[in-house]
Amino acid sequence: MYPVDRSSHRLRLRELTIDDVTAVCAVYGSPEATEHLSFEPRTREQVGQIVARSIAAATVTPRTEFAVAVVERNTDEPIGFGRLAADPHQQRGATMGFALRPDAWGVGYGLETVQLLLGLGFDDLGLHRIWGARSPLNEASAKTMAAAGMTEEGIVREHVLKAGQWRDSVVHAILDREWASAPG
């Protein structure tokens, strides 16, 4: 499926362009925004490589990765990054992740982003199961995934090595039938 263009009331998911490097760097280069992510802040060069790889992956057939810009509809300004990627270990399954600029936190954009990614996966791609992992300390992400109808399934012990320390991850998932029966 190319191009991705999916909207909610306030947000839109769209394909990344090379012009999005600065916007993605505002997320991936931010110590605050990456505090609970699985990696240290990225340099502009690293972000440029990520965006370039994502653009190239968008036109591969079959497409297995959907890395997209999260954009405010009113301003057309990118405020974050979302990703849905086929999980090679399960049939019709995918992993999901997202990150927003810190100045976009606290107004419900996280929930809208997750709902848009889930809609892409279930409604457009016909997936059966979508899962995401979070830092055990990221309570905002826990609330967001629960509000989107995702179930906390358990802990993957010492899953992420960050800043020289192993960190657990908490897994949340949702099935197609749960998505179909979710309100709203």
N, C-alpha and C. Protein backbone atom coordinates (compact mmCIF):
# COMPACT_ATOMS: atom_id res chain seq x y z
N MET A 1 0.85 -1.18 0.00
CA MET A 1 0.00 0.00 0.00
C MET A 1 0.89 1.24 0.00
N TYR A 2 0.76 2.02 -1.01
CA TYR A 2 1.50 3.26 -1.12
C TYR A 2 0.65 4.25 -1.91
N PRO A 3 0.53 5.46 -1.53
CA PRO A 3 1.04 6.06 -0.30
C PRO A 3 0.06 5.92 0.86
N VAL A 4 0.59 6.00 2.08
CA VAL A 4 -0.25 6.05 3.27
C VAL A 4 -0.74 7.49 3.41
N ASP A 5 -2.03 7.63 3.61
CA ASP A 5 -2.63 8.94 3.88
C ASP A 5 -3.89 8.67 4.68
N ARG A 6 -3.78 8.74 5.98
CA ARG A 6 -4.87 8.40 6.89
C ARG A 6 -5.05 9.54 7.89
N SER A 7 -6.29 9.97 8.11
CA SER A 7 -6.52 11.14 8.95
C SER A 7 -7.51 10.86 10.08
N SER A 8 -7.35 11.63 11.14
CA SER A 8 -8.32 11.70 12.23
C SER A 8 -8.80 13.15 12.27
N HIS A 9 -9.50 13.50 13.32
CA HIS A 9 -10.00 14.87 13.45
C HIS A 9 -8.87 15.90 13.42
N ARG A 10 -7.78 15.63 14.16
CA ARG A 10 -6.70 16.62 14.28
C ARG A 10 -5.40 16.23 13.62
N LEU A 11 -5.23 14.94 13.31
CA LEU A 11 -3.93 14.45 12.82
C LEU A 11 -4.06 13.74 11.49
N ARG A 12 -2.91 13.57 10.87
CA ARG A 12 -2.82 12.86 9.60
C ARG A 12 -1.52 12.05 9.59
N LEU A 13 -1.60 10.83 9.11
CA LEU A 13 -0.40 10.05 8.83
C LEU A 13 -0.14 10.16 7.34
N ARG A 14 1.10 10.46 6.99
CA ARG A 14 1.47 10.53 5.58
C ARG A 14 2.87 9.99 5.41
N GLU A 15 3.20 9.68 4.18
CA GLU A 15 4.54 9.19 3.87
C GLU A 15 5.58 10.24 4.25
N LEU A 16 6.73 9.77 4.69
CA LEU A 16 7.86 10.66 4.97
C LEU A 16 8.46 11.18 3.67
N THR A 17 9.01 12.38 3.74
CA THR A 17 9.79 12.94 2.64
C THR A 17 11.14 13.35 3.21
N ILE A 18 12.08 13.60 2.36
CA ILE A 18 13.41 14.02 2.82
C ILE A 18 13.32 15.35 3.55
N ASP A 19 12.29 16.14 3.27
CA ASP A 19 12.09 17.42 3.97
C ASP A 19 11.69 17.24 5.42
N ASP A 20 11.39 16.01 5.85
CA ASP A 20 10.97 15.74 7.22
C ASP A 20 12.13 15.47 8.18
N VAL A 21 13.35 15.51 7.69
CA VAL A 21 14.50 15.19 8.55
C VAL A 21 14.52 16.10 9.79
N THR A 22 14.33 17.39 9.62
CA THR A 22 14.36 18.33 10.75
C THR A 22 13.25 18.00 11.75
N ALA A 23 12.06 17.70 11.25
CA ALA A 23 10.93 17.39 12.14
C ALA A 23 11.17 16.08 12.89
N VAL A 24 11.69 15.07 12.22
CA VAL A 24 11.97 13.79 12.89
C VAL A 24 13.11 13.97 13.89
N CYS A 25 14.07 14.83 13.54
CA CYS A 25 15.19 15.09 14.45
C CYS A 25 14.70 15.78 15.73
N ALA A 26 13.63 16.56 15.64
CA ALA A 26 13.06 17.21 16.83
C ALA A 26 12.51 16.19 17.81
N VAL A 27 12.23 14.99 17.33
CA VAL A 27 11.77 13.89 18.18
C VAL A 27 12.95 12.99 18.54
N TYR A 28 13.56 12.42 17.52
CA TYR A 28 14.62 11.42 17.72
C TYR A 28 15.92 12.03 18.25
N GLY A 29 16.08 13.32 18.14
CA GLY A 29 17.27 13.97 18.66
C GLY A 29 17.07 14.55 20.05
N SER A 30 15.87 14.47 20.57
CA SER A 30 15.51 15.07 21.86
C SER A 30 15.73 14.10 23.01
N PRO A 31 16.56 14.48 24.00
CA PRO A 31 16.70 13.62 25.19
C PRO A 31 15.37 13.38 25.90
N GLU A 32 14.52 14.39 25.94
CA GLU A 32 13.22 14.24 26.60
C GLU A 32 12.33 13.26 25.83
N ALA A 33 12.28 13.40 24.51
CA ALA A 33 11.40 12.55 23.70
C ALA A 33 11.89 11.11 23.64
N THR A 34 13.19 10.90 23.77
CA THR A 34 13.74 9.54 23.68
C THR A 34 13.98 8.89 25.04
N GLU A 35 13.61 9.58 26.11
CA GLU A 35 13.85 9.06 27.45
C GLU A 35 13.36 7.63 27.62
N HIS A 36 12.16 7.33 27.13
CA HIS A 36 11.57 6.01 27.30
C HIS A 36 11.66 5.15 26.04
N LEU A 37 12.30 5.66 25.00
CA LEU A 37 12.45 4.86 23.79
C LEU A 37 13.63 3.90 23.95
N SER A 38 13.84 3.06 22.96
CA SER A 38 14.86 2.01 23.06
C SER A 38 16.25 2.46 22.63
N PHE A 39 16.43 3.75 22.36
CA PHE A 39 17.70 4.24 21.88
C PHE A 39 18.01 5.61 22.46
N GLU A 40 19.28 5.97 22.39
CA GLU A 40 19.75 7.30 22.81
C GLU A 40 19.36 8.32 21.74
N PRO A 41 19.36 9.62 22.06
CA PRO A 41 19.07 10.61 21.04
C PRO A 41 19.96 10.43 19.80
N ARG A 42 19.38 10.62 18.65
CA ARG A 42 20.08 10.44 17.37
C ARG A 42 20.62 11.78 16.87
N THR A 43 21.68 11.69 16.10
CA THR A 43 22.22 12.89 15.45
C THR A 43 21.40 13.19 14.20
N ARG A 44 21.57 14.37 13.68
CA ARG A 44 20.87 14.74 12.44
C ARG A 44 21.25 13.79 11.30
N GLU A 45 22.52 13.42 11.24
CA GLU A 45 22.96 12.49 10.19
C GLU A 45 22.27 11.13 10.34
N GLN A 46 22.17 10.63 11.57
CA GLN A 46 21.49 9.36 11.81
C GLN A 46 20.01 9.45 11.44
N VAL A 47 19.38 10.56 11.79
CA VAL A 47 17.96 10.74 11.45
C VAL A 47 17.80 10.80 9.93
N GLY A 48 18.71 11.48 9.26
CA GLY A 48 18.66 11.53 7.79
C GLY A 48 18.72 10.14 7.18
N GLN A 49 19.56 9.29 7.73
CA GLN A 49 19.67 7.91 7.24
C GLN A 49 18.39 7.13 7.51
N ILE A 50 17.79 7.33 8.68
CA ILE A 50 16.53 6.65 9.03
C ILE A 50 15.43 7.08 8.07
N VAL A 51 15.33 8.38 7.82
CA VAL A 51 14.29 8.88 6.92
C VAL A 51 14.52 8.35 5.51
N ALA A 52 15.77 8.38 5.04
CA ALA A 52 16.07 7.87 3.69
C ALA A 52 15.73 6.39 3.57
N ARG A 53 16.07 5.58 4.58
CA ARG A 53 15.72 4.15 4.55
C ARG A 53 14.20 3.96 4.56
N SER A 54 13.51 4.78 5.33
CA SER A 54 12.05 4.67 5.41
C SER A 54 11.40 5.02 4.07
N ILE A 55 11.92 6.03 3.41
CA ILE A 55 11.39 6.42 2.10
C ILE A 55 11.62 5.28 1.10
N ALA A 56 12.81 4.69 1.12
CA ALA A 56 13.11 3.58 0.21
C ALA A 56 12.23 2.36 0.51
N ALA A 57 11.99 2.07 1.78
CA ALA A 57 11.19 0.91 2.16
C ALA A 57 9.72 1.07 1.78
N ALA A 58 9.28 2.30 1.58
CA ALA A 58 7.86 2.56 1.30
C ALA A 58 7.42 2.01 -0.05
N THR A 59 8.34 1.84 -0.97
CA THR A 59 7.95 1.38 -2.31
C THR A 59 8.40 -0.05 -2.61
N VAL A 60 8.89 -0.75 -1.59
CA VAL A 60 9.29 -2.15 -1.76
C VAL A 60 8.03 -3.01 -1.81
N THR A 61 8.05 -4.02 -2.68
CA THR A 61 6.92 -4.94 -2.77
C THR A 61 7.39 -6.34 -2.40
N PRO A 62 6.77 -7.02 -1.45
CA PRO A 62 5.68 -6.50 -0.64
C PRO A 62 6.22 -5.54 0.42
N ARG A 63 5.41 -4.57 0.76
CA ARG A 63 5.80 -3.59 1.76
C ARG A 63 5.64 -4.19 3.14
N THR A 64 6.70 -4.14 3.93
CA THR A 64 6.66 -4.72 5.28
C THR A 64 6.86 -3.68 6.37
N GLU A 65 7.16 -2.44 5.99
CA GLU A 65 7.37 -1.37 6.97
C GLU A 65 6.64 -0.11 6.53
N PHE A 66 5.92 0.47 7.46
CA PHE A 66 5.19 1.71 7.23
C PHE A 66 5.69 2.73 8.25
N ALA A 67 6.72 3.48 7.87
CA ALA A 67 7.25 4.54 8.72
C ALA A 67 6.69 5.84 8.18
N VAL A 68 5.94 6.56 9.01
CA VAL A 68 5.17 7.70 8.52
C VAL A 68 5.35 8.92 9.41
N ALA A 69 5.09 10.07 8.83
CA ALA A 69 5.07 11.32 9.58
C ALA A 69 3.70 11.46 10.23
N VAL A 70 3.68 11.96 11.46
CA VAL A 70 2.45 12.32 12.16
C VAL A 70 2.36 13.84 12.05
N VAL A 71 1.29 14.32 11.41
CA VAL A 71 1.19 15.73 11.03
C VAL A 71 -0.08 16.33 11.61
N GLU A 72 0.01 17.56 12.15
CA GLU A 72 -1.20 18.29 12.56
C GLU A 72 -1.94 18.69 11.30
N ARG A 73 -3.22 18.38 11.23
CA ARG A 73 -4.00 18.69 10.02
C ARG A 73 -4.14 20.19 9.80
N ASN A 74 -4.34 20.95 10.87
CA ASN A 74 -4.57 22.40 10.71
C ASN A 74 -3.35 23.14 10.18
N THR A 75 -2.16 22.69 10.57
CA THR A 75 -0.94 23.42 10.21
C THR A 75 -0.10 22.68 9.18
N ASP A 76 -0.39 21.40 8.94
CA ASP A 76 0.41 20.53 8.08
C ASP A 76 1.83 20.38 8.60
N GLU A 77 2.02 20.63 9.90
CA GLU A 77 3.34 20.54 10.53
C GLU A 77 3.56 19.15 11.11
N PRO A 78 4.67 18.50 10.76
CA PRO A 78 4.98 17.21 11.37
C PRO A 78 5.30 17.37 12.86
N ILE A 79 4.66 16.56 13.68
CA ILE A 79 4.89 16.62 15.13
C ILE A 79 5.42 15.31 15.68
N GLY A 80 5.54 14.30 14.81
CA GLY A 80 6.00 13.01 15.30
C GLY A 80 6.23 12.01 14.20
N PHE A 81 6.43 10.79 14.64
CA PHE A 81 6.83 9.69 13.79
C PHE A 81 6.06 8.46 14.23
N GLY A 82 5.53 7.71 13.31
CA GLY A 82 4.85 6.46 13.62
C GLY A 82 5.40 5.35 12.75
N ARG A 83 5.29 4.13 13.26
CA ARG A 83 5.83 3.00 12.51
C ARG A 83 5.00 1.75 12.77
N LEU A 84 4.69 1.07 11.71
CA LEU A 84 4.02 -0.22 11.76
C LEU A 84 4.88 -1.14 10.89
N ALA A 85 5.35 -2.26 11.44
CA ALA A 85 6.23 -3.15 10.69
C ALA A 85 5.79 -4.60 10.86
N ALA A 86 5.77 -5.32 9.76
CA ALA A 86 5.40 -6.73 9.80
C ALA A 86 6.30 -7.46 10.80
N ASP A 87 5.70 -8.31 11.59
CA ASP A 87 6.43 -9.13 12.54
C ASP A 87 6.71 -10.47 11.87
N PRO A 88 7.97 -10.77 11.59
CA PRO A 88 8.27 -12.01 10.87
C PRO A 88 7.99 -13.28 11.69
N HIS A 89 7.68 -13.13 12.97
CA HIS A 89 7.45 -14.27 13.84
C HIS A 89 5.98 -14.60 14.04
N GLN A 90 5.09 -13.87 13.36
CA GLN A 90 3.68 -14.20 13.48
C GLN A 90 2.95 -13.87 12.19
N GLN A 91 2.00 -14.72 11.86
CA GLN A 91 1.21 -14.51 10.65
C GLN A 91 0.27 -13.33 10.85
N ARG A 92 0.22 -12.46 9.83
CA ARG A 92 -0.66 -11.28 9.85
C ARG A 92 -0.51 -10.47 11.14
N GLY A 93 0.73 -10.34 11.60
CA GLY A 93 1.02 -9.57 12.80
C GLY A 93 2.02 -8.47 12.51
N ALA A 94 2.00 -7.45 13.34
CA ALA A 94 2.92 -6.32 13.18
C ALA A 94 3.25 -5.70 14.52
N THR A 95 4.39 -5.04 14.57
CA THR A 95 4.76 -4.23 15.72
C THR A 95 4.42 -2.78 15.40
N MET A 96 4.15 -2.02 16.43
CA MET A 96 3.77 -0.63 16.27
C MET A 96 4.58 0.23 17.24
N GLY A 97 4.96 1.40 16.80
CA GLY A 97 5.63 2.35 17.68
C GLY A 97 5.35 3.76 17.23
N PHE A 98 5.52 4.70 18.15
CA PHE A 98 5.30 6.11 17.81
C PHE A 98 6.07 6.97 18.79
N ALA A 99 6.37 8.18 18.36
CA ALA A 99 7.02 9.17 19.23
C ALA A 99 6.61 10.55 18.74
N LEU A 100 6.30 11.41 19.68
CA LEU A 100 5.88 12.78 19.37
C LEU A 100 6.84 13.78 20.00
N ARG A 101 6.91 14.97 19.42
CA ARG A 101 7.70 16.05 20.03
C ARG A 101 7.12 16.34 21.42
N PRO A 102 7.98 16.64 22.39
CA PRO A 102 7.48 16.94 23.74
C PRO A 102 6.45 18.07 23.79
N ASP A 103 6.56 19.06 22.92
CA ASP A 103 5.57 20.15 22.96
C ASP A 103 4.20 19.73 22.43
N ALA A 104 4.10 18.50 21.91
CA ALA A 104 2.81 17.98 21.43
C ALA A 104 2.21 16.97 22.43
N TRP A 105 2.84 16.80 23.57
CA TRP A 105 2.36 15.85 24.58
C TRP A 105 1.20 16.45 25.38
N GLY A 106 0.39 15.59 25.94
CA GLY A 106 -0.62 16.00 26.91
C GLY A 106 -1.93 16.51 26.33
N VAL A 107 -2.12 16.40 25.00
CA VAL A 107 -3.37 16.89 24.40
C VAL A 107 -4.12 15.80 23.63
N GLY A 108 -3.72 14.53 23.85
CA GLY A 108 -4.41 13.42 23.21
C GLY A 108 -3.87 13.02 21.84
N TYR A 109 -2.79 13.63 21.40
CA TYR A 109 -2.23 13.27 20.09
C TYR A 109 -1.66 11.85 20.09
N GLY A 110 -1.17 11.38 21.23
CA GLY A 110 -0.66 10.02 21.30
C GLY A 110 -1.76 9.00 21.01
N LEU A 111 -2.92 9.18 21.63
CA LEU A 111 -4.04 8.28 21.40
C LEU A 111 -4.48 8.33 19.94
N GLU A 112 -4.60 9.52 19.39
CA GLU A 112 -4.99 9.65 17.98
C GLU A 112 -3.98 8.97 17.07
N THR A 113 -2.70 9.11 17.38
CA THR A 113 -1.66 8.48 16.57
C THR A 113 -1.78 6.96 16.62
N VAL A 114 -1.95 6.40 17.83
CA VAL A 114 -2.09 4.95 17.97
C VAL A 114 -3.33 4.48 17.23
N GLN A 115 -4.43 5.19 17.34
CA GLN A 115 -5.66 4.80 16.65
C GLN A 115 -5.47 4.83 15.13
N LEU A 116 -4.75 5.83 14.63
CA LEU A 116 -4.48 5.89 13.19
C LEU A 116 -3.61 4.72 12.74
N LEU A 117 -2.58 4.39 13.54
CA LEU A 117 -1.72 3.26 13.19
C LEU A 117 -2.49 1.94 13.25
N LEU A 118 -3.33 1.77 14.25
CA LEU A 118 -4.14 0.55 14.35
C LEU A 118 -5.12 0.47 13.18
N GLY A 119 -5.73 1.58 12.82
CA GLY A 119 -6.62 1.61 11.66
C GLY A 119 -5.90 1.22 10.38
N LEU A 120 -4.69 1.73 10.21
CA LEU A 120 -3.87 1.36 9.05
C LEU A 120 -3.66 -0.16 9.05
N GLY A 121 -3.28 -0.69 10.19
CA GLY A 121 -2.98 -2.11 10.26
C GLY A 121 -4.19 -3.01 10.07
N PHE A 122 -5.26 -2.72 10.76
CA PHE A 122 -6.43 -3.59 10.69
C PHE A 122 -7.32 -3.28 9.49
N ASP A 123 -7.68 -2.03 9.30
CA ASP A 123 -8.63 -1.67 8.25
C ASP A 123 -8.02 -1.71 6.85
N ASP A 124 -6.78 -1.24 6.72
CA ASP A 124 -6.15 -1.16 5.40
C ASP A 124 -5.33 -2.39 5.04
N LEU A 125 -4.66 -2.97 6.03
CA LEU A 125 -3.74 -4.08 5.74
C LEU A 125 -4.29 -5.45 6.11
N GLY A 126 -5.41 -5.50 6.81
CA GLY A 126 -6.03 -6.77 7.17
C GLY A 126 -5.22 -7.61 8.15
N LEU A 127 -4.53 -6.95 9.08
CA LEU A 127 -3.74 -7.67 10.06
C LEU A 127 -4.63 -8.35 11.10
N HIS A 128 -4.06 -9.32 11.80
CA HIS A 128 -4.78 -10.02 12.86
C HIS A 128 -4.37 -9.51 14.25
N ARG A 129 -3.08 -9.19 14.44
CA ARG A 129 -2.59 -8.78 15.76
C ARG A 129 -1.53 -7.70 15.59
N ILE A 130 -1.63 -6.67 16.42
CA ILE A 130 -0.64 -5.59 16.45
C ILE A 130 -0.19 -5.42 17.89
N TRP A 131 1.12 -5.34 18.07
CA TRP A 131 1.65 -5.18 19.41
C TRP A 131 2.69 -4.07 19.44
N GLY A 132 2.86 -3.54 20.63
CA GLY A 132 3.88 -2.52 20.87
C GLY A 132 4.49 -2.75 22.24
N ALA A 133 5.70 -2.25 22.42
CA ALA A 133 6.38 -2.38 23.71
C ALA A 133 6.72 -1.00 24.23
N ARG A 134 6.75 -0.88 25.55
CA ARG A 134 7.06 0.40 26.18
C ARG A 134 7.99 0.18 27.36
N SER A 135 8.63 1.26 27.76
CA SER A 135 9.42 1.25 28.99
C SER A 135 8.47 1.08 30.17
N PRO A 136 8.86 0.30 31.18
CA PRO A 136 7.99 0.16 32.36
C PRO A 136 7.71 1.49 33.06
N LEU A 137 8.57 2.47 32.88
CA LEU A 137 8.37 3.77 33.53
C LEU A 137 7.49 4.73 32.72
N ASN A 138 7.14 4.35 31.51
CA ASN A 138 6.37 5.24 30.64
C ASN A 138 4.87 5.04 30.87
N GLU A 139 4.37 5.66 31.92
CA GLU A 139 2.95 5.55 32.28
C GLU A 139 2.04 6.21 31.25
N ALA A 140 2.50 7.29 30.63
CA ALA A 140 1.68 7.94 29.60
C ALA A 140 1.42 7.00 28.44
N SER A 141 2.44 6.27 28.02
CA SER A 141 2.26 5.30 26.95
C SER A 141 1.34 4.16 27.37
N ALA A 142 1.46 3.73 28.61
CA ALA A 142 0.57 2.67 29.12
C ALA A 142 -0.89 3.12 29.04
N LYS A 143 -1.16 4.34 29.47
CA LYS A 143 -2.53 4.87 29.43
C LYS A 143 -3.02 5.02 28.00
N THR A 144 -2.13 5.47 27.11
CA THR A 144 -2.49 5.66 25.71
C THR A 144 -2.88 4.33 25.06
N MET A 145 -2.05 3.31 25.24
CA MET A 145 -2.34 2.02 24.62
C MET A 145 -3.59 1.39 25.21
N ALA A 146 -3.80 1.54 26.51
CA ALA A 146 -5.02 1.02 27.13
C ALA A 146 -6.25 1.73 26.57
N ALA A 147 -6.16 3.06 26.43
CA ALA A 147 -7.29 3.83 25.90
C ALA A 147 -7.60 3.45 24.45
N ALA A 148 -6.60 2.97 23.71
CA ALA A 148 -6.80 2.53 22.33
C ALA A 148 -7.34 1.11 22.24
N GLY A 149 -7.52 0.46 23.41
CA GLY A 149 -8.08 -0.89 23.44
C GLY A 149 -7.03 -1.99 23.48
N MET A 150 -5.78 -1.62 23.65
CA MET A 150 -4.71 -2.62 23.71
C MET A 150 -4.63 -3.22 25.11
N THR A 151 -4.32 -4.50 25.17
CA THR A 151 -4.22 -5.23 26.43
C THR A 151 -2.75 -5.38 26.83
N GLU A 152 -2.46 -5.10 28.09
CA GLU A 152 -1.11 -5.35 28.59
C GLU A 152 -0.93 -6.85 28.72
N GLU A 153 0.05 -7.40 28.00
CA GLU A 153 0.24 -8.85 27.96
C GLU A 153 1.35 -9.36 28.86
N GLY A 154 2.32 -8.53 29.17
CA GLY A 154 3.38 -9.01 30.03
C GLY A 154 4.68 -8.26 29.83
N ILE A 155 5.72 -8.79 30.44
CA ILE A 155 7.02 -8.12 30.45
C ILE A 155 8.04 -8.99 29.72
N VAL A 156 8.80 -8.35 28.85
CA VAL A 156 9.96 -8.99 28.23
C VAL A 156 11.15 -8.52 29.06
N ARG A 157 11.76 -9.44 29.79
CA ARG A 157 12.82 -9.06 30.72
C ARG A 157 14.10 -8.69 29.98
N GLU A 158 14.74 -7.62 30.46
CA GLU A 158 16.01 -7.14 29.94
C GLU A 158 16.04 -7.19 28.42
N HIS A 159 15.08 -6.53 27.84
CA HIS A 159 14.82 -6.52 26.40
C HIS A 159 15.63 -5.47 25.66
N VAL A 160 15.95 -4.36 26.33
CA VAL A 160 16.59 -3.22 25.69
C VAL A 160 17.85 -2.85 26.45
N LEU A 161 18.94 -2.66 25.71
CA LEU A 161 20.19 -2.16 26.30
C LEU A 161 20.29 -0.68 25.95
N LYS A 162 20.21 0.16 26.96
CA LYS A 162 20.24 1.60 26.74
C LYS A 162 21.12 2.23 27.81
N ALA A 163 22.03 3.07 27.38
CA ALA A 163 22.96 3.75 28.28
C ALA A 163 23.70 2.74 29.17
N GLY A 164 24.03 1.60 28.58
CA GLY A 164 24.80 0.59 29.31
C GLY A 164 24.01 -0.23 30.31
N GLN A 165 22.71 -0.05 30.35
CA GLN A 165 21.85 -0.76 31.31
C GLN A 165 20.77 -1.54 30.57
N TRP A 166 20.51 -2.76 31.03
CA TRP A 166 19.40 -3.52 30.48
C TRP A 166 18.10 -3.05 31.07
N ARG A 167 17.08 -2.96 30.22
CA ARG A 167 15.76 -2.49 30.63
C ARG A 167 14.70 -3.46 30.14
N ASP A 168 13.71 -3.70 30.98
CA ASP A 168 12.57 -4.52 30.57
C ASP A 168 11.70 -3.73 29.60
N SER A 169 10.81 -4.44 28.91
CA SER A 169 9.78 -3.81 28.09
C SER A 169 8.44 -4.42 28.46
N VAL A 170 7.41 -3.60 28.47
CA VAL A 170 6.04 -4.06 28.73
C VAL A 170 5.33 -4.13 27.39
N VAL A 171 4.76 -5.29 27.09
CA VAL A 171 4.11 -5.52 25.80
C VAL A 171 2.61 -5.29 25.92
N HIS A 172 2.06 -4.57 24.95
CA HIS A 172 0.62 -4.35 24.82
C HIS A 172 0.23 -4.82 23.42
N ALA A 173 -0.95 -5.42 23.27
CA ALA A 173 -1.39 -5.89 21.96
C ALA A 173 -2.89 -5.78 21.83
N ILE A 174 -3.33 -5.83 20.57
CA ILE A 174 -4.76 -5.81 20.25
C ILE A 174 -4.98 -6.72 19.05
N LEU A 175 -6.10 -7.42 19.05
CA LEU A 175 -6.47 -8.32 17.95
C LEU A 175 -7.49 -7.65 17.05
N ASP A 176 -7.60 -8.14 15.83
CA ASP A 176 -8.52 -7.54 14.86
C ASP A 176 -9.96 -7.52 15.38
N ARG A 177 -10.41 -8.59 16.02
CA ARG A 177 -11.79 -8.62 16.53
C ARG A 177 -12.02 -7.61 17.66
N GLU A 178 -10.97 -7.35 18.45
CA GLU A 178 -11.07 -6.35 19.51
C GLU A 178 -11.16 -4.95 18.91
N TRP A 179 -10.36 -4.71 17.86
CA TRP A 179 -10.41 -3.43 17.17
C TRP A 179 -11.79 -3.21 16.55
N ALA A 180 -12.34 -4.26 15.93
CA ALA A 180 -13.63 -4.14 15.26
C ALA A 180 -14.76 -3.85 16.24
N SER A 181 -14.63 -4.29 17.49
CA SER A 181 -15.70 -4.08 18.46
C SER A 181 -15.44 -2.88 19.39
N ALA A 182 -14.30 -2.20 19.18
CA ALA A 182 -13.98 -1.04 20.04
C ALA A 182 -14.92 0.12 19.72
N PRO A 183 -15.33 0.86 20.75
CA PRO A 183 -16.18 2.02 20.50
C PRO A 183 -15.42 3.12 19.76
N GLY A 184 -16.15 3.88 18.95
CA GLY A 184 -15.58 5.04 18.28
C GLY A 184 -14.92 4.70 17.03
